[in-house]
Structures are given as structure tokens and as C-alpha cells.
């Protein structure tokens, strides 16, 4: 199975979509080598579970991946197929700012079905306080919390993934609002078919047991966000059109009150932290744990959902950095034409090297720091000192710390300004819809 980053069919900033998704020219080369390696027998599957409002047909049209399917069908050899692995899809209503109930569809895109994999006490979410505040990808937060409570930590995994002998990850080199950078490990959200199994953050600021936004967000804005949350939980989670209409009306009223308060001077102008919302910052201690859980599953889960003691498949990675993404990734990045790729059989090591290139210090990024500090012997990552990098034109392998970096460090997402001393967080008003996740 070859897993690209097919998260969305467009760049939400209006910029280059190939700063968001894997370029098909990179996929073509990977398919060619997989085809050669299979020696005429087997199946090559290109598959991903994009964000649940992504238009997969538009992604196919943009990338022209179907032309690859047509090309290989005309040749004798392994069968090539392209799959949308989502179990649920939704339609975003731009005018009303919600996912209406009428647009939520049970699609069951994986023909092999899905397995519920329970990591139990081995999950990195196990023992984390305030799991009653978890928020997933849909308005029904109760669903997410029901699958992550106590020693129960379940994920809905594509059986096409679990039945593969080799999983080749072909992610995009880009920044990410919730975990710092997308790359391989965070990109594994695409092996999970139902997005609401994925814990993205815990509601509220740290002082109240959450990691959705910093404590330093202004007091009145905290009140406004709490009201938004209560409205979402009570009016959108039930999935009833009449309640959705009420939510839209009350949302317009709430925003109108906020505008009046700003004009009247009752609400101060936005401070540096007020542009951080929905877990999109370096203080998010939830999303990276979910991503690491998915790596464990990708390594050890069998097709029936049980976990083995030995790896169930081989993993390989090819990171597409030909056109990379900086700033507000994963869905609204600015394009950077880097002309670089990373490849390796240890996807943790590949992520370390790619982050080093971007100028993202692994010691200050929770996901990378966890592996760098030796917290996951199950991953097979032997430590930073064991990583070496071979580059075109180099006379000898280079250690991780001496690897080449981009001449200009990648601009980080707003909520990650603390990682780079030269950057300061916004001062721009921002309040996202509560659903924005990938």
C-alpha cells in the first residue's frame, strides 16, 4: 500500500494545492519501484482517508492519479487500485459555517472493511488527565470520549492497511498547527477511517484541564469560546436540522455582540495569544499522542485488529519536499519550492531529518522529543546518535545534527511561535469553527 497525503482537494488559503498534498509525479516514481519489486505478482494500492469534507473526486481530477491506474492496467503485472478509505464523509456549508446533518454520509470506502484496534494501556493517551474533555473531528464529542476512557483507547483502522505487507508513506514536507510538522507520523491519521475516533485536543485552557488554547487568551474571549462550545454540543451534536438552524442564528448574534463590544471598547483588542484556537499550538499535549498511537498500530496491528509482538509489516517513507508547505499547515500553508526529498526505512528517523531541515528543533516539539528521548523502544528508533544522512554530492554520511538545513527556516504556524524566538504570535483575531481538525 502506498499512502500519499491526500488530506484536501485544495489549499484553504487559496494558494498552491501542492503545498498541501503529495505531488503525483512523486507517487508515479514510487509506484514504478513498487511495481518492479513485486516482480509481476501482487497488488499496489494507493489509498488515504482524507479530511471528512474533502472532495476525493476533485483530488483525483487535480492529481490525475487515475491516469496512472489506466496506464498500469494496460500493462501486465500487479493490479493497481486507488481507494478513498473514509467510512464517513461530510459536506461543508460555507454560508452557514457548519457540517449540516444532510451532508453526513456513511460511505464505507474501504472494500475490506475496518478493524477497531484497542491499544488499551499501551496508548499514549492512557493515564492522561481530563480525558472527559477530549474533542475529535465531529460535533459529537461524546463519541470520541467513549472510545478513549480508562484503559480503552480505540481506533478505526482500514483493513486494506492492515492486510498490506508493506506500507509506503509518501507525505508532504509541511508545517502543522497541532503537532508542529505533518511528515510521516502525523500523516498516519490517513489509516484511520472514522475521524471521530481521533483525539485532537482537550477542550478549554490548561487551567481548566484543556489544551485547546493558552491560559493567556483574554477572559471575555474565553467566555465567548465556552459559549460557542456549549452551543455546538447542544445544537449540532444531535444532528437535527431545526437545531442547526438555531445554532446558525445564535452564532450570528454572538458575533454581532462581539463586534459591538469591540467598537464600544468593552472588549480589548486581540492580544498575542488570541489568535490561537482549536488546539492549534505548541501546548497541545493530545494530538501528538494520538499520532504516535497510530504509528504503533501501523507497525504491529494485524488484520483482525489484534496487536502482535513483532512488526506486522514493513514501513518505508518518501517525503515530498519538491513543493513544501510553511506557515498555517496542514490545510492553509504557503508554498515553498524546496526541490528536496527524504527517504528511509525508519520513518521516525526520516521525520527527525526532515524537521531538522525545516529548522524545527526536535527538542521543542513534543512528538519529536518523545522519540528523540528514547520514549518508544517499540518504534525501532535507535536514537538520534544512530541516524545518519546520505545526500547527493556528500563524500560521507552525516549525523543528524550536522545535516543540511534549508537556508531560510520554514515559517511556523502561528501557535508555534514559541519554538522560534524570532517569531511572535499573531495579535490577529481568530476563532475557528470547532470542527477544523486535520
Protein backbone atom coordinates (compact mmCIF):
# COMPACT_ATOMS: atom_id res chain seq x y z
CA UNK A 1 0.00 0.00 0.00
CA UNK A 2 1.21 3.48 -0.93
CA UNK A 3 -0.22 6.19 1.31
CA UNK A 4 0.02 9.75 -0.05
CA UNK A 5 -1.09 12.88 1.78
CA UNK A 6 -4.47 13.46 0.13
CA UNK A 7 -5.92 15.44 3.01
CA UNK A 8 -7.80 18.04 0.95
CA UNK A 9 -8.52 18.82 -2.69
CA UNK A 10 -7.49 22.46 -2.34
CA UNK A 11 -5.37 24.84 -0.31
CA UNK A 12 -7.77 26.66 2.01
CA UNK A 13 -5.61 29.78 1.78
CA UNK A 14 -6.22 29.88 -1.97
CA UNK A 15 -2.56 29.09 -2.65
CA UNK A 16 -0.82 26.21 -4.39
CA UNK A 17 -2.67 22.94 -3.60
CA UNK A 18 0.58 21.02 -4.00
CA UNK A 19 1.85 22.67 -0.83
CA UNK A 20 -0.93 20.64 0.86
CA UNK A 21 -0.91 17.25 -0.91
CA UNK A 22 1.64 14.81 -2.31
CA UNK A 23 2.50 15.58 -5.92
CA UNK A 24 1.51 12.79 -8.36
CA UNK A 25 4.92 12.86 -10.04
CA UNK A 26 6.41 11.62 -6.76
CA UNK A 27 3.72 8.94 -6.49
CA UNK A 28 4.47 7.80 -10.04
CA UNK A 29 8.12 7.13 -9.20
CA UNK A 30 7.21 5.25 -6.02
CA UNK A 31 4.65 3.14 -7.88
CA UNK A 32 7.23 2.27 -10.53
CA UNK A 33 9.65 0.91 -7.96
CA UNK A 34 6.90 -0.96 -6.09
CA UNK A 35 5.84 -2.46 -9.42
CA UNK A 36 9.40 -3.60 -10.10
CA UNK A 37 9.81 -5.04 -6.60
CA UNK A 38 6.65 -7.16 -6.89
CA UNK A 39 8.06 -8.94 -9.97
CA UNK A 40 4.68 -9.38 -11.62
CA UNK A 41 2.69 -10.65 -8.65
CA UNK A 42 0.60 -8.87 -6.02
CA UNK A 43 -1.33 -5.63 -5.67
CA UNK A 44 -0.33 -1.99 -5.39
CA UNK A 45 -2.92 0.16 -3.63
CA UNK A 46 -2.85 3.97 -3.46
CA UNK A 47 -5.05 4.88 -0.53
CA UNK A 48 -5.72 7.51 2.12
CA UNK A 49 -8.54 8.72 4.34
CA UNK A 50 -8.65 12.49 3.71
CA UNK A 51 -10.36 15.03 5.94
CA UNK A 52 -14.00 14.09 6.01
CA UNK A 53 -15.17 17.09 3.95
CA UNK A 54 -12.53 16.64 1.24
CA UNK A 55 -13.81 16.05 -2.29
CA UNK A 56 -12.00 12.88 -3.38
CA UNK A 57 -13.21 13.24 -6.95
CA UNK A 58 -11.72 16.73 -7.10
CA UNK A 59 -8.44 15.33 -5.69
CA UNK A 60 -8.40 12.70 -8.44
CA UNK A 61 -9.04 15.38 -11.08
CA UNK A 62 -6.33 17.65 -9.68
CA UNK A 63 -3.66 14.97 -9.39
CA UNK A 64 -4.73 12.93 -12.44
CA UNK A 65 -3.86 9.82 -10.44
CA UNK A 66 -6.49 7.89 -12.42
CA UNK A 67 -4.23 8.17 -15.45
CA UNK A 68 -1.70 6.07 -13.53
CA UNK A 69 -4.37 3.46 -12.89
CA UNK A 70 -5.18 3.42 -16.61
CA UNK A 71 -1.50 3.16 -17.55
CA UNK A 72 -0.77 0.20 -15.29
CA UNK A 73 -3.99 -1.55 -16.29
CA UNK A 74 -2.67 -1.66 -19.84
CA UNK A 75 0.50 -3.44 -18.70
CA UNK A 76 0.83 -6.99 -17.45
CA UNK A 77 1.77 -7.22 -13.80
CA UNK A 78 0.42 -6.35 -10.36
CA UNK A 79 -3.06 -4.89 -10.07
CA UNK A 80 -3.20 -1.16 -9.20
CA UNK A 81 -6.17 0.30 -7.35
CA UNK A 82 -6.99 3.69 -5.82
CA UNK A 83 -9.12 3.90 -2.66
CA UNK A 84 -10.75 6.55 -0.51
CA UNK A 85 -10.57 4.87 2.91
CA UNK A 86 -13.09 7.08 4.73
CA UNK A 87 -16.02 5.45 6.48
CA UNK A 88 -17.81 8.79 6.81
CA UNK A 89 -17.86 11.85 4.56
CA UNK A 90 -19.41 15.27 5.09
CA UNK A 91 -20.16 18.44 3.15
CA UNK A 92 -19.06 21.83 4.48
CA UNK A 93 -21.73 24.53 4.22
CA UNK A 94 -19.67 27.69 3.71
CA UNK A 95 -22.62 30.05 4.07
CA UNK A 96 -23.74 28.68 7.42
CA UNK A 97 -20.32 27.64 8.73
CA UNK A 98 -21.33 24.10 9.71
CA UNK A 99 -21.41 20.50 8.52
CA UNK A 100 -25.19 20.04 8.10
CA UNK A 101 -26.76 16.73 9.03
CA UNK A 102 -27.98 16.23 5.47
CA UNK A 103 -24.41 16.14 4.17
CA UNK A 104 -23.11 13.43 6.51
CA UNK A 105 -22.86 10.14 4.60
CA UNK A 106 -21.79 6.66 5.67
CA UNK A 107 -19.60 5.74 2.70
CA UNK A 108 -17.52 2.74 3.90
CA UNK A 109 -14.86 3.43 1.28
CA UNK A 110 -12.58 0.54 2.19
CA UNK A 111 -13.85 -2.60 0.40
CA UNK A 112 -12.03 -4.74 3.00
CA UNK A 113 -13.84 -3.04 5.87
CA UNK A 114 -12.43 -1.73 9.16
CA UNK A 115 -10.98 -3.13 12.36
CA UNK A 116 -11.34 -1.49 15.76
CA UNK A 117 -7.88 -1.57 17.32
CA UNK A 118 -7.74 -1.04 21.07
CA UNK A 119 -4.28 -0.05 22.36
CA UNK A 120 -5.54 -0.14 25.92
CA UNK A 121 -2.92 0.80 28.49
CA UNK A 122 -0.26 0.95 25.76
CA UNK A 123 -1.87 4.06 24.29
CA UNK A 124 -0.05 7.30 24.99
CA UNK A 125 -3.44 8.74 25.94
CA UNK A 126 -3.75 6.23 28.79
CA UNK A 127 -3.37 7.97 32.12
CA UNK A 128 -3.65 11.43 30.56
CA UNK A 129 -5.77 13.62 32.84
CA UNK A 130 -9.06 15.18 31.79
CA UNK A 131 -9.95 12.69 29.06
CA UNK A 132 -13.52 13.83 29.66
CA UNK A 133 -12.55 16.98 27.74
CA UNK A 134 -11.38 15.20 24.56
CA UNK A 135 -12.58 16.59 21.26
CA UNK A 136 -12.44 14.69 17.96
CA UNK A 137 -13.41 15.63 14.44
CA UNK A 138 -17.18 15.79 14.64
CA UNK A 139 -19.57 17.76 16.82
CA UNK A 140 -20.35 14.64 18.86
CA UNK A 141 -17.52 14.78 21.39
CA UNK A 142 -19.25 12.09 23.45
CA UNK A 143 -18.43 9.58 20.72
CA UNK A 144 -14.70 10.38 20.88
CA UNK A 145 -14.66 10.26 24.67
CA UNK A 146 -16.46 6.91 24.72
CA UNK A 147 -13.59 5.37 22.73
CA UNK A 148 -10.87 6.94 24.88
CA UNK A 149 -11.64 6.41 28.53
CA UNK A 150 -9.83 4.49 31.25
CA UNK A 151 -7.88 1.67 29.61
CA UNK A 152 -9.95 1.78 26.43
CA UNK A 153 -8.26 3.59 23.54
CA UNK A 154 -9.73 2.56 20.22
CA UNK A 155 -9.05 3.50 16.60
CA UNK A 156 -10.99 2.60 13.44
CA UNK A 157 -8.32 1.25 11.09
CA UNK A 158 -8.64 0.40 7.41
CA UNK A 159 -8.25 -3.32 6.78
CA UNK A 160 -6.57 -2.51 3.46
CA UNK A 161 -3.78 -1.02 5.56
CA UNK A 162 -3.74 -3.94 7.99
CA UNK A 163 -3.68 -6.54 5.22
CA UNK A 164 -0.71 -4.93 3.48
CA UNK A 165 2.76 -6.48 3.69
CA UNK A 166 4.48 -3.16 3.03
CA UNK A 167 3.22 0.33 3.82
CA UNK A 168 4.97 3.11 1.91
CA UNK A 169 4.25 6.54 3.35
CA UNK A 170 4.58 9.44 0.89
CA UNK A 171 3.78 12.51 2.99
CA UNK A 172 4.21 16.22 2.32
CA UNK A 173 7.01 18.29 3.86
CA UNK A 174 4.91 20.91 5.64
CA UNK A 175 4.21 22.59 8.94
CA UNK A 176 1.22 21.65 11.10
CA UNK A 177 -0.79 23.76 13.54
CA UNK A 178 -1.41 20.99 16.06
CA UNK A 179 1.82 18.95 16.15
CA UNK A 180 4.46 21.20 14.55
CA UNK A 181 5.01 19.31 11.29
CA UNK A 182 2.97 16.78 9.30
CA UNK A 183 5.53 14.40 7.74
CA UNK A 184 5.08 10.65 8.35
CA UNK A 185 3.85 10.11 11.89
CA UNK A 186 1.08 12.71 11.92
CA UNK A 187 0.21 11.71 8.36
CA UNK A 188 -0.86 8.30 9.66
CA UNK A 189 -4.25 9.81 10.53
CA UNK A 190 -5.00 8.66 6.98
CA UNK A 191 -5.04 4.98 8.03
CA UNK A 192 -7.97 5.69 10.38
CA UNK A 193 -11.32 5.52 8.57
CA UNK A 194 -13.56 7.38 11.04
CA UNK A 195 -12.08 10.72 12.07
CA UNK A 196 -14.11 10.97 15.25
CA UNK A 197 -12.01 8.21 16.81
CA UNK A 198 -9.07 10.64 16.72
CA UNK A 199 -8.47 12.78 19.81
CA UNK A 200 -7.31 16.21 18.62
CA UNK A 201 -7.27 18.27 21.82
CA UNK A 202 -8.91 18.68 25.21
CA UNK A 203 -11.47 21.45 25.47
CA UNK A 204 -10.52 24.68 27.24
CA UNK A 205 -7.26 26.20 28.51
CA UNK A 206 -4.70 24.33 30.70
CA UNK A 207 -6.01 25.93 33.90
CA UNK A 208 -9.31 24.13 33.30
CA UNK A 209 -7.75 20.83 32.22
CA UNK A 210 -7.65 21.52 28.48
CA UNK A 211 -5.04 22.20 25.83
CA UNK A 212 -7.26 23.90 23.24
CA UNK A 213 -5.68 27.34 23.70
CA UNK A 214 -3.35 29.08 26.21
CA UNK A 215 -4.41 30.43 29.59
CA UNK A 216 -3.32 33.84 28.33
CA UNK A 217 -6.30 34.14 25.97
CA UNK A 218 -8.38 37.07 27.22
CA UNK A 219 -11.08 36.39 29.82
CA UNK A 220 -14.03 37.63 27.76
CA UNK A 221 -12.83 35.64 24.78
CA UNK A 222 -12.70 32.52 26.94
CA UNK A 223 -16.33 33.17 27.86
CA UNK A 224 -17.22 33.58 24.19
CA UNK A 225 -15.45 30.35 23.24
CA UNK A 226 -17.11 28.47 26.07
CA UNK A 227 -20.49 29.70 24.78
CA UNK A 228 -19.58 28.55 21.27
CA UNK A 229 -18.69 25.12 22.66
CA UNK A 230 -21.93 24.74 24.60
CA UNK A 231 -23.89 25.73 21.51
CA UNK A 232 -22.02 23.20 19.39
CA UNK A 233 -22.51 20.37 21.90
CA UNK A 234 -26.20 21.00 22.41
CA UNK A 235 -27.32 22.14 18.96
CA UNK A 236 -25.02 20.45 16.43
CA UNK A 237 -24.19 17.09 18.01
CA UNK A 238 -27.83 15.85 17.83
CA UNK A 239 -27.74 16.28 14.02
CA UNK A 240 -31.22 17.80 13.70
CA UNK A 241 -31.86 20.48 11.03
CA UNK A 242 -34.01 22.65 13.31
CA UNK A 243 -31.28 22.75 15.97
CA UNK A 244 -28.67 23.51 13.31
CA UNK A 245 -30.72 26.50 12.16
CA UNK A 246 -30.88 27.72 15.76
CA UNK A 247 -27.10 27.33 16.08
CA UNK A 248 -26.52 29.44 12.96
CA UNK A 249 -28.85 32.18 14.25
CA UNK A 250 -27.26 32.25 17.70
CA UNK A 251 -23.77 32.26 16.18
CA UNK A 252 -24.60 35.35 14.15
CA UNK A 253 -25.96 37.00 17.29
CA UNK A 254 -22.87 36.09 19.31
CA UNK A 255 -20.52 37.51 16.67
CA UNK A 256 -22.62 40.69 16.42
CA UNK A 257 -22.39 41.18 20.19
CA UNK A 258 -18.62 40.71 20.00
CA UNK A 259 -18.30 43.33 17.25
CA UNK A 260 -20.35 45.82 19.28
CA UNK A 261 -18.21 45.11 22.35
CA UNK A 262 -15.05 45.77 20.33
CA UNK A 263 -16.37 49.07 18.96
CA UNK A 264 -17.58 50.17 22.38
CA UNK A 265 -14.27 49.35 23.99
CA UNK A 266 -15.82 46.74 26.27
CA UNK A 267 -13.70 44.03 24.65
CA UNK A 268 -9.99 44.82 24.30
CA UNK A 269 -8.20 44.31 21.00
CA UNK A 270 -6.73 40.87 20.39
CA UNK A 271 -3.53 40.01 22.25
CA UNK A 272 -0.73 37.73 21.01
CA UNK A 273 -2.47 34.56 22.23
CA UNK A 274 -5.95 35.39 20.99
CA UNK A 275 -5.16 34.08 17.51
CA UNK A 276 -4.70 30.53 18.92
CA UNK A 277 -7.72 28.24 18.89
CA UNK A 278 -8.84 24.60 18.43
CA UNK A 279 -5.63 23.02 19.76
CA UNK A 280 -3.51 24.77 17.14
CA UNK A 281 -0.44 25.49 19.26
CA UNK A 282 2.69 24.04 20.82
CA UNK A 283 0.86 23.44 24.10
CA UNK A 284 -1.37 20.78 22.53
CA UNK A 285 -0.45 17.67 24.51
CA UNK A 286 -3.12 15.45 22.94
CA UNK A 287 -2.75 15.31 19.15
CA UNK A 288 0.87 14.13 19.10
CA UNK A 289 -0.04 11.23 21.38
CA UNK A 290 -2.80 10.18 19.01
CA UNK A 291 -0.33 10.28 16.09
CA UNK A 292 2.22 8.14 17.97
CA UNK A 293 -0.56 5.64 18.75
CA UNK A 294 -1.24 5.31 15.02
CA UNK A 295 2.43 4.57 14.36
CA UNK A 296 2.27 1.69 16.86
CA UNK A 297 -0.82 0.39 15.08
CA UNK A 298 0.79 0.72 11.64
CA UNK A 299 3.73 -1.34 12.88
CA UNK A 300 2.07 -4.06 14.95
CA UNK A 301 -1.67 -4.44 14.21
CA UNK A 302 -2.93 -7.48 12.32
CA UNK A 303 -5.95 -7.53 10.03
CA UNK A 304 -8.23 -8.72 12.84
CA UNK A 305 -7.25 -5.70 14.95
CA UNK A 306 -5.04 -7.57 17.41
CA UNK A 307 -1.53 -6.35 18.22
CA UNK A 308 1.46 -8.61 17.71
CA UNK A 309 4.80 -8.56 19.47
CA UNK A 310 6.68 -8.35 16.20
CA UNK A 311 6.10 -5.88 13.34
CA UNK A 312 3.23 -6.98 11.12
CA UNK A 313 4.54 -5.18 8.02
CA UNK A 314 7.48 -3.23 6.71
CA UNK A 315 7.34 0.55 6.52
CA UNK A 316 9.16 2.84 4.15
CA UNK A 317 8.95 6.58 3.57
CA UNK A 318 9.47 9.02 0.73
CA UNK A 319 8.78 12.63 1.80
CA UNK A 320 7.72 15.00 -0.95
CA UNK A 321 9.52 18.30 -0.39
CA UNK A 322 9.69 19.33 -4.04
CA UNK A 323 7.00 21.89 -3.23
CA UNK A 324 6.82 22.17 0.56
CA UNK A 325 4.41 23.97 2.87
CA UNK A 326 5.23 26.53 5.56
CA UNK A 327 3.09 28.59 7.90
CA UNK A 328 -0.50 27.56 8.53
CA UNK A 329 -0.36 23.90 7.58
CA UNK A 330 -1.78 21.39 7.11
CA UNK A 331 -4.66 22.97 5.16
CA UNK A 332 -3.61 26.59 4.52
CA UNK A 333 0.18 26.56 4.05
CA UNK A 334 2.25 28.86 1.87
CA UNK A 335 4.19 27.09 -0.87
CA UNK A 336 7.98 26.79 -0.78
CA UNK A 337 9.73 25.36 -3.81
CA UNK A 338 12.46 23.42 -2.00
CA UNK A 339 13.26 20.73 -4.55
CA UNK A 340 14.17 18.21 -1.87
CA UNK A 341 13.08 14.70 -0.85
CA UNK A 342 13.78 12.42 2.09
CA UNK A 343 13.60 8.63 2.11
CA UNK A 344 14.31 5.86 4.59
CA UNK A 345 13.15 2.62 6.17
CA UNK A 346 12.80 4.14 9.66
CA UNK A 347 10.02 6.70 9.38
CA UNK A 348 10.82 8.22 12.78
CA UNK A 349 14.38 8.89 11.62
CA UNK A 350 13.05 10.35 8.37
CA UNK A 351 10.78 12.71 10.33
CA UNK A 352 13.71 13.78 12.51
CA UNK A 353 15.86 14.56 9.47
CA UNK A 354 13.05 16.41 7.69
CA UNK A 355 12.28 18.52 10.77
CA UNK A 356 15.97 19.32 11.12
CA UNK A 357 15.99 20.53 7.53
CA UNK A 358 12.95 22.76 8.17
CA UNK A 359 14.64 24.32 11.19
CA UNK A 360 12.16 22.83 13.64
CA UNK A 361 14.06 21.87 16.84
CA UNK A 362 13.06 18.33 17.78
CA UNK A 363 13.69 19.04 21.46
CA UNK A 364 10.92 21.66 21.46
CA UNK A 365 8.31 19.65 19.55
CA UNK A 366 6.50 17.15 21.83
CA UNK A 367 6.07 14.44 19.17
CA UNK A 368 9.70 14.53 18.06
CA UNK A 369 11.01 14.98 21.60
CA UNK A 370 9.19 11.82 22.71
CA UNK A 371 11.03 9.68 20.18
CA UNK A 372 14.30 11.60 20.45
CA UNK A 373 14.40 10.99 24.21
CA UNK A 374 14.03 7.24 23.71
CA UNK A 375 10.42 7.06 24.93
CA UNK A 376 9.33 4.50 22.33
CA UNK A 377 11.59 1.43 22.03
CA UNK A 378 8.65 -0.32 20.33
CA UNK A 379 9.10 2.01 17.34
CA UNK A 380 12.50 0.58 16.48
CA UNK A 381 14.03 4.05 16.55
CA UNK A 382 17.50 3.54 17.99
CA UNK A 383 18.10 7.17 18.95
CA UNK A 384 19.38 10.38 17.42
CA UNK A 385 23.02 9.23 17.53
CA UNK A 386 22.21 6.27 15.29
CA UNK A 387 20.74 8.42 12.49
CA UNK A 388 22.92 9.17 9.51
CA UNK A 389 22.03 11.01 6.33
CA UNK A 390 23.37 10.33 2.87
CA UNK A 391 22.92 13.17 0.41
CA UNK A 392 23.77 13.61 -3.25
CA UNK A 393 27.24 15.06 -3.52
CA UNK A 394 28.28 14.09 0.03
CA UNK A 395 31.52 12.17 0.46
CA UNK A 396 30.36 10.52 3.71
CA UNK A 397 27.21 10.03 5.78
CA UNK A 398 26.37 12.93 8.08
CA UNK A 399 24.99 12.68 11.62
CA UNK A 400 21.56 14.13 12.30
CA UNK A 401 22.88 17.30 13.95
CA UNK A 402 25.21 18.05 11.05
CA UNK A 403 22.68 17.54 8.29
CA UNK A 404 21.96 20.29 5.84
CA UNK A 405 19.20 22.77 6.62
CA UNK A 406 17.15 25.00 4.41
CA UNK A 407 18.96 28.36 4.08
CA UNK A 408 15.83 30.04 5.45
CA UNK A 409 14.00 28.22 8.27
CA UNK A 410 10.40 27.35 7.48
CA UNK A 411 7.87 29.79 8.87
CA UNK A 412 5.96 28.09 11.64
CA UNK A 413 2.24 28.10 12.28
CA UNK A 414 1.12 30.97 14.48
CA UNK A 415 0.66 28.87 17.60
CA UNK A 416 4.21 27.55 17.34
CA UNK A 417 5.89 30.95 17.59
CA UNK A 418 7.42 29.98 20.93
CA UNK A 419 9.52 27.39 19.11
CA UNK A 420 11.32 30.16 17.23
CA UNK A 421 12.47 33.15 19.25
CA UNK A 422 12.44 35.34 16.16
CA UNK A 423 8.70 34.85 15.67
CA UNK A 424 5.87 36.32 17.71
CA UNK A 425 2.32 35.05 17.69
CA UNK A 426 -0.33 36.99 15.85
CA UNK A 427 -2.28 39.75 17.51
CA UNK A 428 -4.90 38.97 14.87
CA UNK A 429 -8.42 37.97 15.86
CA UNK A 430 -9.09 34.32 15.07
CA UNK A 431 -11.84 31.96 16.08
CA UNK A 432 -12.08 28.78 14.08
CA UNK A 433 -15.08 26.51 13.61
CA UNK A 434 -14.75 23.82 16.28
CA UNK A 435 -14.54 21.08 13.64
CA UNK A 436 -11.29 22.10 11.90
CA UNK A 437 -9.02 19.16 12.65
CA UNK A 438 -6.56 17.60 10.23
